Amino acid sequence: MTNFKELLPIGSVVILREAKKRLMIYGIRQTNKENKKEYDYIGVLYPEGNLGGKSYVMFNHEDIKDVFFRGYEDEERKTFIDKLETFYVNKENKSEK
């Protein structure tokens, strides 16, 4: 299970292993609608941003090679992460029954 406290905030700029371009994270805990697989992050090329269509990349925390910039964090984000973690813990507990 994902360690929610380690998830980077939106706005963070990272580079993935084997990648040549950096990405800016604009969402966390995203589901790929095509294969229903969940990912820790969704990002777009940095500095280009959203180029339309499928210009986004979904990836997991362990895919990150380096963090260039850590996005904004405050109490609202902390509350969101706590709620997100509770949601997934409850979801996992229900699936075990």
PDB file of N, CA and C in Angstrom:
ATOM      1  N   MET A   1       0.842  -1.186   0.000  1.00  0.00           N
ATOM      2  CA  MET A   1       0.000   0.000   0.000  1.00  0.00           C
ATOM      3  C   MET A   1       0.885   1.245   0.000  1.00  0.00           C
ATOM      4  N   THR A   2       0.412   2.263  -0.639  1.00  0.00           N
ATOM      5  CA  THR A   2       1.114   3.543  -0.722  1.00  0.00           C
ATOM      6  C   THR A   2       1.259   4.173   0.660  1.00  0.00           C
ATOM      7  N   ASN A   3       2.434   4.751   0.927  1.00  0.00           N
ATOM      8  CA  ASN A   3       2.612   5.556   2.139  1.00  0.00           C
ATOM      9  C   ASN A   3       2.156   6.967   1.777  1.00  0.00           C
ATOM     10  N   PHE A   4       0.953   7.312   2.143  1.00  0.00           N
ATOM     11  CA  PHE A   4       0.338   8.572   1.731  1.00  0.00           C
ATOM     12  C   PHE A   4       1.104   9.788   2.235  1.00  0.00           C
ATOM     13  N   LYS A   5       1.749   9.662   3.382  1.00  0.00           N
ATOM     14  CA  LYS A   5       2.510  10.787   3.950  1.00  0.00           C
ATOM     15  C   LYS A   5       3.728  11.127   3.093  1.00  0.00           C
ATOM     16  N   GLU A   6       4.197  10.188   2.269  1.00  0.00           N
ATOM     17  CA  GLU A   6       5.349  10.423   1.404  1.00  0.00           C
ATOM     18  C   GLU A   6       4.970  10.996   0.043  1.00  0.00           C
ATOM     19  N   LEU A   7       3.687  10.999  -0.295  1.00  0.00           N
ATOM     20  CA  LEU A   7       3.274  11.507  -1.606  1.00  0.00           C
ATOM     21  C   LEU A   7       3.652  12.975  -1.742  1.00  0.00           C
ATOM     22  N   LEU A   8       4.212  13.302  -2.897  1.00  0.00           N
ATOM     23  CA  LEU A   8       4.603  14.685  -3.168  1.00  0.00           C
ATOM     24  C   LEU A   8       3.370  15.532  -3.446  1.00  0.00           C
ATOM     25  N   PRO A   9       3.406  16.798  -3.082  1.00  0.00           N
ATOM     26  CA  PRO A   9       2.273  17.679  -3.361  1.00  0.00           C
ATOM     27  C   PRO A   9       2.199  18.064  -4.838  1.00  0.00           C
ATOM     28  N   ILE A  10       1.011  18.487  -5.267  1.00  0.00           N
ATOM     29  CA  ILE A  10       0.886  18.958  -6.636  1.00  0.00           C
ATOM     30  C   ILE A  10       1.807  20.160  -6.821  1.00  0.00           C
ATOM     31  N   GLY A  11       2.272  20.323  -8.039  1.00  0.00           N
ATOM     32  CA  GLY A  11       3.231  21.387  -8.330  1.00  0.00           C
ATOM     33  C   GLY A  11       4.667  20.924  -8.239  1.00  0.00           C
ATOM     34  N   SER A  12       4.897  19.739  -7.662  1.00  0.00           N
ATOM     35  CA  SER A  12       6.265  19.215  -7.569  1.00  0.00           C
ATOM     36  C   SER A  12       6.785  18.894  -8.962  1.00  0.00           C
ATOM     37  N   VAL A  13       8.081  19.127  -9.162  1.00  0.00           N
ATOM     38  CA  VAL A  13       8.727  18.851 -10.443  1.00  0.00           C
ATOM     39  C   VAL A  13       9.727  17.727 -10.215  1.00  0.00           C
ATOM     40  N   VAL A  14       9.581  16.659 -11.011  1.00  0.00           N
ATOM     41  CA  VAL A  14      10.391  15.452 -10.843  1.00  0.00           C
ATOM     42  C   VAL A  14      10.921  14.970 -12.185  1.00  0.00           C
ATOM     43  N   ILE A  15      11.862  14.052 -12.104  1.00  0.00           N
ATOM     44  CA  ILE A  15      12.275  13.321 -13.303  1.00  0.00           C
ATOM     45  C   ILE A  15      12.199  11.839 -12.960  1.00  0.00           C
ATOM     46  N   LEU A  16      11.703  11.058 -13.911  1.00  0.00           N
ATOM     47  CA  LEU A  16      11.569   9.620 -13.715  1.00  0.00           C
ATOM     48  C   LEU A  16      12.838   8.900 -14.150  1.00  0.00           C
ATOM     49  N   ARG A  17      13.022   7.716 -13.630  1.00  0.00           N
ATOM     50  CA  ARG A  17      14.156   6.888 -14.046  1.00  0.00           C
ATOM     51  C   ARG A  17      14.081   6.693 -15.565  1.00  0.00           C
ATOM     52  N   GLU A  18      15.200   6.765 -16.223  1.00  0.00           N
ATOM     53  CA  GLU A  18      15.291   6.570 -17.683  1.00  0.00           C
ATOM     54  C   GLU A  18      14.636   7.685 -18.492  1.00  0.00           C
ATOM     55  N   ALA A  19      14.184   8.767 -17.867  1.00  0.00           N
ATOM     56  CA  ALA A  19      13.523   9.860 -18.593  1.00  0.00           C
ATOM     57  C   ALA A  19      14.519  10.956 -18.946  1.00  0.00           C
ATOM     58  N   LYS A  20      14.164  11.749 -19.961  1.00  0.00           N
ATOM     59  CA  LYS A  20      14.994  12.878 -20.384  1.00  0.00           C
ATOM     60  C   LYS A  20      14.347  14.211 -20.047  1.00  0.00           C
ATOM     61  N   LYS A  21      13.029  14.218 -19.826  1.00  0.00           N
ATOM     62  CA  LYS A  21      12.283  15.450 -19.537  1.00  0.00           C
ATOM     63  C   LYS A  21      11.686  15.370 -18.140  1.00  0.00           C
ATOM     64  N   ARG A  22      11.630  16.523 -17.496  1.00  0.00           N
ATOM     65  CA  ARG A  22      11.001  16.598 -16.184  1.00  0.00           C
ATOM     66  C   ARG A  22       9.489  16.656 -16.332  1.00  0.00           C
ATOM     67  N   LEU A  23       8.798  16.299 -15.253  1.00  0.00           N
ATOM     68  CA  LEU A  23       7.341  16.338 -15.185  1.00  0.00           C
ATOM     69  C   LEU A  23       6.917  17.178 -14.001  1.00  0.00           C
ATOM     70  N   MET A  24       5.786  17.864 -14.143  1.00  0.00           N
ATOM     71  CA  MET A  24       5.178  18.558 -13.020  1.00  0.00           C
ATOM     72  C   MET A  24       3.932  17.780 -12.608  1.00  0.00           C
ATOM     73  N   ILE A  25       3.869  17.421 -11.344  1.00  0.00           N
ATOM     74  CA  ILE A  25       2.729  16.668 -10.817  1.00  0.00           C
ATOM     75  C   ILE A  25       1.522  17.599 -10.689  1.00  0.00           C
ATOM     76  N   TYR A  26       0.385  17.160 -11.260  1.00  0.00           N
ATOM     77  CA  TYR A  26      -0.831  17.952 -11.105  1.00  0.00           C
ATOM     78  C   TYR A  26      -1.972  17.164 -10.484  1.00  0.00           C
ATOM     79  N   GLY A  27      -1.698  15.945 -10.076  1.00  0.00           N
ATOM     80  CA  GLY A  27      -2.712  15.148  -9.388  1.00  0.00           C
ATOM     81  C   GLY A  27      -2.081  13.960  -8.698  1.00  0.00           C
ATOM     82  N   ILE A  28      -2.727  13.509  -7.620  1.00  0.00           N
ATOM     83  CA  ILE A  28      -2.244  12.322  -6.919  1.00  0.00           C
ATOM     84  C   ILE A  28      -3.359  11.286  -6.831  1.00  0.00           C
ATOM     85  N   ARG A  29      -2.947  10.014  -6.704  1.00  0.00           N
ATOM     86  CA  ARG A  29      -3.849   8.870  -6.638  1.00  0.00           C
ATOM     87  C   ARG A  29      -4.877   8.929  -7.762  1.00  0.00           C
ATOM     88  N   GLN A  30      -4.383   8.695  -8.958  1.00  0.00           N
ATOM     89  CA  GLN A  30      -5.195   8.749 -10.162  1.00  0.00           C
ATOM     90  C   GLN A  30      -5.441   7.339 -10.696  1.00  0.00           C
ATOM     91  N   THR A  31      -6.576   7.158 -11.341  1.00  0.00           N
ATOM     92  CA  THR A  31      -6.913   5.866 -11.937  1.00  0.00           C
ATOM     93  C   THR A  31      -6.922   6.001 -13.451  1.00  0.00           C
ATOM     94  N   ASN A  32      -6.209   5.109 -14.121  1.00  0.00           N
ATOM     95  CA  ASN A  32      -6.221   5.054 -15.572  1.00  0.00           C
ATOM     96  C   ASN A  32      -7.561   4.450 -15.985  1.00  0.00           C
ATOM     97  N   LYS A  33      -8.370   5.212 -16.698  1.00  0.00           N
ATOM     98  CA  LYS A  33      -9.719   4.760 -17.057  1.00  0.00           C
ATOM     99  C   LYS A  33      -9.704   3.592 -18.027  1.00  0.00           C
ATOM    100  N   GLU A  34      -8.630   3.446 -18.797  1.00  0.00           N
ATOM    101  CA  GLU A  34      -8.568   2.373 -19.785  1.00  0.00           C
ATOM    102  C   GLU A  34      -8.326   1.012 -19.147  1.00  0.00           C
ATOM    103  N   ASN A  35      -7.393   0.950 -18.173  1.00  0.00           N
ATOM    104  CA  ASN A  35      -7.070  -0.351 -17.586  1.00  0.00           C
ATOM    105  C   ASN A  35      -7.424  -0.449 -16.097  1.00  0.00           C
ATOM    106  N   LYS A  36      -8.001   0.613 -15.538  1.00  0.00           N
ATOM    107  CA  LYS A  36      -8.439   0.684 -14.139  1.00  0.00           C
ATOM    108  C   LYS A  36      -7.284   0.592 -13.135  1.00  0.00           C
ATOM    109  N   LYS A  37      -6.055   0.718 -13.595  1.00  0.00           N
ATOM    110  CA  LYS A  37      -4.895   0.666 -12.705  1.00  0.00           C
ATOM    111  C   LYS A  37      -4.734   2.011 -11.999  1.00  0.00           C
ATOM    112  N   GLU A  38      -4.403   1.960 -10.705  1.00  0.00           N
ATOM    113  CA  GLU A  38      -4.201   3.180  -9.933  1.00  0.00           C
ATOM    114  C   GLU A  38      -2.724   3.539  -9.883  1.00  0.00           C
ATOM    115  N   TYR A  39      -2.477   4.833  -9.945  1.00  0.00           N
ATOM    116  CA  TYR A  39      -1.118   5.362  -9.892  1.00  0.00           C
ATOM    117  C   TYR A  39      -1.034   6.411  -8.787  1.00  0.00           C
ATOM    118  N   ASP A  40       0.160   6.620  -8.275  1.00  0.00           N
ATOM    119  CA  ASP A  40       0.365   7.638  -7.248  1.00  0.00           C
ATOM    120  C   ASP A  40       0.210   9.045  -7.810  1.00  0.00           C
ATOM    121  N   TYR A  41       0.642   9.248  -9.062  1.00  0.00           N
ATOM    122  CA  TYR A  41       0.690  10.604  -9.616  1.00  0.00           C
ATOM    123  C   TYR A  41       0.243  10.653 -11.072  1.00  0.00           C
ATOM    124  N   ILE A  42      -0.141  11.849 -11.475  1.00  0.00           N
ATOM    125  CA  ILE A  42      -0.316  12.184 -12.887  1.00  0.00           C
ATOM    126  C   ILE A  42       0.434  13.498 -13.097  1.00  0.00           C
ATOM    127  N   GLY A  43       1.172  13.576 -14.190  1.00  0.00           N
ATOM    128  CA  GLY A  43       1.964  14.768 -14.437  1.00  0.00           C
ATOM    129  C   GLY A  43       2.004  15.131 -15.914  1.00  0.00           C
ATOM    130  N   VAL A  44       2.501  16.332 -16.170  1.00  0.00           N
ATOM    131  CA  VAL A  44       2.675  16.832 -17.529  1.00  0.00           C
ATOM    132  C   VAL A  44       4.121  17.292 -17.690  1.00  0.00           C
ATOM    133  N   LEU A  45       4.550  17.390 -18.933  1.00  0.00           N
ATOM    134  CA  LEU A  45       5.910  17.836 -19.203  1.00  0.00           C
ATOM    135  C   LEU A  45       6.171  19.207 -18.594  1.00  0.00           C
ATOM    136  N   TYR A  46       7.361  19.363 -18.066  1.00  0.00           N
ATOM    137  CA  TYR A  46       7.773  20.653 -17.532  1.00  0.00           C
ATOM    138  C   TYR A  46       8.865  21.197 -18.429  1.00  0.00           C
ATOM    139  N   PRO A  47       8.782  22.422 -18.900  1.00  0.00           N
ATOM    140  CA  PRO A  47       7.874  23.501 -18.525  1.00  0.00           C
ATOM    141  C   PRO A  47       6.648  23.633 -19.422  1.00  0.00           C
ATOM    142  N   GLU A  48       6.467  22.731 -20.363  1.00  0.00           N
ATOM    143  CA  GLU A  48       5.399  22.881 -21.355  1.00  0.00           C
ATOM    144  C   GLU A  48       3.996  22.843 -20.759  1.00  0.00           C
ATOM    145  N   GLY A  49       3.767  21.967 -19.784  1.00  0.00           N
ATOM    146  CA  GLY A  49       2.438  21.823 -19.205  1.00  0.00           C
ATOM    147  C   GLY A  49       1.523  20.992 -20.080  1.00  0.00           C
ATOM    148  N   ASN A  50       0.236  21.199 -19.941  1.00  0.00           N
ATOM    149  CA  ASN A  50      -0.762  20.429 -20.664  1.00  0.00           C
ATOM    150  C   ASN A  50      -0.756  20.804 -22.140  1.00  0.00           C
ATOM    151  N   LEU A  51      -0.481  19.817 -22.992  1.00  0.00           N
ATOM    152  CA  LEU A  51      -0.455  20.029 -24.438  1.00  0.00           C
ATOM    153  C   LEU A  51      -1.695  19.439 -25.103  1.00  0.00           C
ATOM    154  N   GLY A  52      -2.679  19.046 -24.296  1.00  0.00           N
ATOM    155  CA  GLY A  52      -3.912  18.483 -24.822  1.00  0.00           C
ATOM    156  C   GLY A  52      -3.809  16.991 -25.056  1.00  0.00           C
ATOM    157  N   GLY A  53      -4.927  16.389 -25.364  1.00  0.00           N
ATOM    158  CA  GLY A  53      -4.967  14.959 -25.642  1.00  0.00           C
ATOM    159  C   GLY A  53      -4.405  14.140 -24.500  1.00  0.00           C
ATOM    160  N   LYS A  54      -3.519  13.233 -24.831  1.00  0.00           N
ATOM    161  CA  LYS A  54      -2.914  12.362 -23.820  1.00  0.00           C
ATOM    162  C   LYS A  54      -1.491  12.805 -23.535  1.00  0.00           C
ATOM    163  N   SER A  55      -1.324  14.079 -23.238  1.00  0.00           N
ATOM    164  CA  SER A  55       0.015  14.610 -22.967  1.00  0.00           C
ATOM    165  C   SER A  55       0.416  14.435 -21.504  1.00  0.00           C
ATOM    166  N   TYR A  56      -0.338  13.634 -20.776  1.00  0.00           N
ATOM    167  CA  TYR A  56      -0.041  13.388 -19.374  1.00  0.00           C
ATOM    168  C   TYR A  56       0.683  12.055 -19.202  1.00  0.00           C
ATOM    169  N   VAL A  57       1.307  11.884 -18.045  1.00  0.00           N
ATOM    170  CA  VAL A  57       1.995  10.647 -17.697  1.00  0.00           C
ATOM    171  C   VAL A  57       1.522  10.235 -16.317  1.00  0.00           C
ATOM    172  N   MET A  58       1.136   8.972 -16.168  1.00  0.00           N
ATOM    173  CA  MET A  58       0.789   8.429 -14.856  1.00  0.00           C
ATOM    174  C   MET A  58       1.972   7.595 -14.369  1.00  0.00           C
ATOM    175  N   PHE A  59       2.306   7.753 -13.087  1.00  0.00           N
ATOM    176  CA  PHE A  59       3.468   7.043 -12.562  1.00  0.00           C
ATOM    177  C   PHE A  59       3.356   6.882 -11.057  1.00  0.00           C
ATOM    178  N   ASN A  60       4.228   6.041 -10.515  1.00  0.00           N
ATOM    179  CA  ASN A  60       4.241   5.772  -9.081  1.00  0.00           C
ATOM    180  C   ASN A  60       5.463   6.393  -8.424  1.00  0.00           C
ATOM    181  N   HIS A  61       5.386   6.507  -7.106  1.00  0.00           N
ATOM    182  CA  HIS A  61       6.447   7.158  -6.339  1.00  0.00           C
ATOM    183  C   HIS A  61       7.804   6.507  -6.594  1.00  0.00           C
ATOM    184  N   GLU A  62       7.825   5.188  -6.680  1.00  0.00           N
ATOM    185  CA  GLU A  62       9.110   4.496  -6.867  1.00  0.00           C
ATOM    186  C   GLU A  62       9.712   4.722  -8.257  1.00  0.00           C
ATOM    187  N   ASP A  63       8.956   5.279  -9.197  1.00  0.00           N
ATOM    188  CA  ASP A  63       9.470   5.573 -10.538  1.00  0.00           C
ATOM    189  C   ASP A  63      10.293   6.863 -10.574  1.00  0.00           C
ATOM    190  N   ILE A  64      10.229   7.644  -9.507  1.00  0.00           N
ATOM    191  CA  ILE A  64      10.904   8.947  -9.472  1.00  0.00           C
ATOM    192  C   ILE A  64      12.398   8.771  -9.204  1.00  0.00           C
ATOM    193  N   LYS A  65      13.191   9.380 -10.067  1.00  0.00           N
ATOM    194  CA  LYS A  65      14.641   9.368  -9.900  1.00  0.00           C
ATOM    195  C   LYS A  65      15.099  10.530  -9.017  1.00  0.00           C
ATOM    196  N   ASP A  66      14.536  11.728  -9.263  1.00  0.00           N
ATOM    197  CA  ASP A  66      14.968  12.908  -8.534  1.00  0.00           C
ATOM    198  C   ASP A  66      13.826  13.913  -8.438  1.00  0.00           C
ATOM    199  N   VAL A  67      13.795  14.655  -7.342  1.00  0.00           N
ATOM    200  CA  VAL A  67      12.808  15.717  -7.135  1.00  0.00           C
ATOM    201  C   VAL A  67      13.535  17.049  -7.273  1.00  0.00           C
ATOM    202  N   PHE A  68      13.113  17.869  -8.239  1.00  0.00           N
ATOM    203  CA  PHE A  68      13.737  19.172  -8.473  1.00  0.00           C
ATOM    204  C   PHE A  68      13.072  20.278  -7.656  1.00  0.00           C
ATOM    205  N   PHE A  69      11.771  20.129  -7.426  1.00  0.00           N
ATOM    206  CA  PHE A  69      11.024  21.134  -6.680  1.00  0.00           C
ATOM    207  C   PHE A  69       9.869  20.458  -5.980  1.00  0.00           C
ATOM    208  N   ARG A  70       9.684  20.777  -4.726  1.00  0.00           N
ATOM    209  CA  ARG A  70       8.570  20.237  -3.958  1.00  0.00           C
ATOM    210  C   ARG A  70       7.461  21.283  -3.919  1.00  0.00           C
ATOM    211  N   GLY A  71       6.249  20.866  -4.287  1.00  0.00           N
ATOM    212  CA  GLY A  71       5.108  21.772  -4.361  1.00  0.00           C
ATOM    213  C   GLY A  71       4.632  22.278  -3.014  1.00  0.00           C
ATOM    214  N   TYR A  72       3.615  23.104  -3.056  1.00  0.00           N
ATOM    215  CA  TYR A  72       3.069  23.791  -1.897  1.00  0.00           C
ATOM    216  C   TYR A  72       2.358  22.824  -0.948  1.00  0.00           C
ATOM    217  N   GLU A  73       2.622  23.009   0.343  1.00  0.00           N
ATOM    218  CA  GLU A  73       1.974  22.206   1.376  1.00  0.00           C
ATOM    219  C   GLU A  73       1.446  23.127   2.473  1.00  0.00           C
ATOM    220  N   ASP A  74       0.257  22.817   2.977  1.00  0.00           N
ATOM    221  CA  ASP A  74      -0.322  23.564   4.091  1.00  0.00           C
ATOM    222  C   ASP A  74      -1.268  22.631   4.855  1.00  0.00           C
ATOM    223  N   GLU A  75      -2.012  23.177   5.796  1.00  0.00           N
ATOM    224  CA  GLU A  75      -2.921  22.368   6.605  1.00  0.00           C
ATOM    225  C   GLU A  75      -4.034  21.737   5.759  1.00  0.00           C
ATOM    226  N   GLU A  76      -4.488  22.455   4.738  1.00  0.00           N
ATOM    227  CA  GLU A  76      -5.538  21.908   3.872  1.00  0.00           C
ATOM    228  C   GLU A  76      -5.054  20.649   3.165  1.00  0.00           C
ATOM    229  N   ARG A  77      -3.805  20.672   2.688  1.00  0.00           N
ATOM    230  CA  ARG A  77      -3.237  19.491   2.047  1.00  0.00           C
ATOM    231  C   ARG A  77      -3.081  18.355   3.049  1.00  0.00           C
ATOM    232  N   LYS A  78      -2.631  18.668   4.259  1.00  0.00           N
ATOM    233  CA  LYS A  78      -2.463  17.646   5.297  1.00  0.00           C
ATOM    234  C   LYS A  78      -3.800  16.969   5.582  1.00  0.00           C
ATOM    235  N   THR A  79      -4.860  17.752   5.696  1.00  0.00           N
ATOM    236  CA  THR A  79      -6.193  17.202   5.928  1.00  0.00           C
ATOM    237  C   THR A  79      -6.617  16.315   4.767  1.00  0.00           C
ATOM    238  N   PHE A  80      -6.347  16.773   3.535  1.00  0.00           N
ATOM    239  CA  PHE A  80      -6.679  15.985   2.347  1.00  0.00           C
ATOM    240  C   PHE A  80      -5.951  14.642   2.353  1.00  0.00           C
ATOM    241  N   ILE A  81      -4.664  14.652   2.653  1.00  0.00           N
ATOM    242  CA  ILE A  81      -3.875  13.412   2.678  1.00  0.00           C
ATOM    243  C   ILE A  81      -4.408  12.468   3.745  1.00  0.00           C
ATOM    244  N   ASP A  82      -4.756  12.996   4.906  1.00  0.00           N
ATOM    245  CA  ASP A  82      -5.327  12.163   5.975  1.00  0.00           C
ATOM    246  C   ASP A  82      -6.630  11.511   5.518  1.00  0.00           C
ATOM    247  N   LYS A  83      -7.497  12.279   4.848  1.00  0.00           N
ATOM    248  CA  LYS A  83      -8.767  11.735   4.350  1.00  0.00           C
ATOM    249  C   LYS A  83      -8.537  10.699   3.251  1.00  0.00           C
ATOM    250  N   LEU A  84      -7.573  10.972   2.398  1.00  0.00           N
ATOM    251  CA  LEU A  84      -7.244  10.038   1.320  1.00  0.00           C
ATOM    252  C   LEU A  84      -6.759   8.714   1.896  1.00  0.00           C
ATOM    253  N   GLU A  85      -5.888   8.791   2.876  1.00  0.00           N
ATOM    254  CA  GLU A  85      -5.373   7.582   3.517  1.00  0.00           C
ATOM    255  C   GLU A  85      -6.507   6.795   4.176  1.00  0.00           C
ATOM    256  N   THR A  86      -7.394   7.481   4.886  1.00  0.00           N
ATOM    257  CA  THR A  86      -8.534   6.827   5.528  1.00  0.00           C
ATOM    258  C   THR A  86      -9.417   6.138   4.495  1.00  0.00           C
ATOM    259  N   PHE A  87      -9.664   6.807   3.375  1.00  0.00           N
ATOM    260  CA  PHE A  87     -10.476   6.223   2.303  1.00  0.00           C
ATOM    261  C   PHE A  87      -9.871   4.910   1.811  1.00  0.00           C
ATOM    262  N   TYR A  88      -8.573   4.907   1.530  1.00  0.00           N
ATOM    263  CA  TYR A  88      -7.935   3.703   1.000  1.00  0.00           C
ATOM    264  C   TYR A  88      -7.800   2.600   2.033  1.00  0.00           C
ATOM    265  N   VAL A  89      -7.592   2.949   3.286  1.00  0.00           N
ATOM    266  CA  VAL A  89      -7.553   1.936   4.350  1.00  0.00           C
ATOM    267  C   VAL A  89      -8.922   1.274   4.463  1.00  0.00           C
ATOM    268  N   ASN A  90      -9.985   2.079   4.460  1.00  0.00           N
ATOM    269  CA  ASN A  90     -11.345   1.525   4.527  1.00  0.00           C
ATOM    270  C   ASN A  90     -11.658   0.672   3.301  1.00  0.00           C
ATOM    271  N   LYS A  91     -11.213   1.123   2.141  1.00  0.00           N
ATOM    272  CA  LYS A  91     -11.436   0.378   0.896  1.00  0.00           C
ATOM    273  C   LYS A  91     -10.737  -0.977   0.961  1.00  0.00           C
ATOM    274  N   GLU A  92      -9.508  -0.976   1.463  1.00  0.00           N
ATOM    275  CA  GLU A  92      -8.741  -2.226   1.583  1.00  0.00           C
ATOM    276  C   GLU A  92      -9.393  -3.171   2.607  1.00  0.00           C
ATOM    277  N   ASN A  93      -9.847  -2.620   3.720  1.00  0.00           N
ATOM    278  CA  ASN A  93     -10.490  -3.432   4.743  1.00  0.00           C
ATOM    279  C   ASN A  93     -11.781  -4.076   4.223  1.00  0.00           C
ATOM    280  N   LYS A  94     -12.553  -3.354   3.419  1.00  0.00           N
ATOM    281  CA  LYS A  94     -13.784  -3.890   2.839  1.00  0.00           C
ATOM    282  C   LYS A  94     -13.482  -5.013   1.867  1.00  0.00           C
ATOM    283  N   SER A  95     -12.404  -4.864   1.092  1.00  0.00           N
ATOM    284  CA  SER A  95     -12.084  -5.904   0.098  1.00  0.00           C
ATOM    285  C   SER A  95     -11.549  -7.179   0.750  1.00  0.00           C
ATOM    286  N   GLU A  96     -11.049  -7.068   1.980  1.00  0.00           N
ATOM    287  CA  GLU A  96     -10.539  -8.241   2.690  1.00  0.00           C
ATOM    288  C   GLU A  96     -11.660  -9.082   3.294  1.00  0.00           C
ATOM    289  N   LYS A  97     -12.845  -8.492   3.435  1.00  0.00           N
ATOM    290  CA  LYS A  97     -13.971  -9.222   4.070  1.00  0.00           C
ATOM    291  C   LYS A  97     -14.678 -10.113   3.096  1.00  0.00           C
TER     292      LYS A  97
END
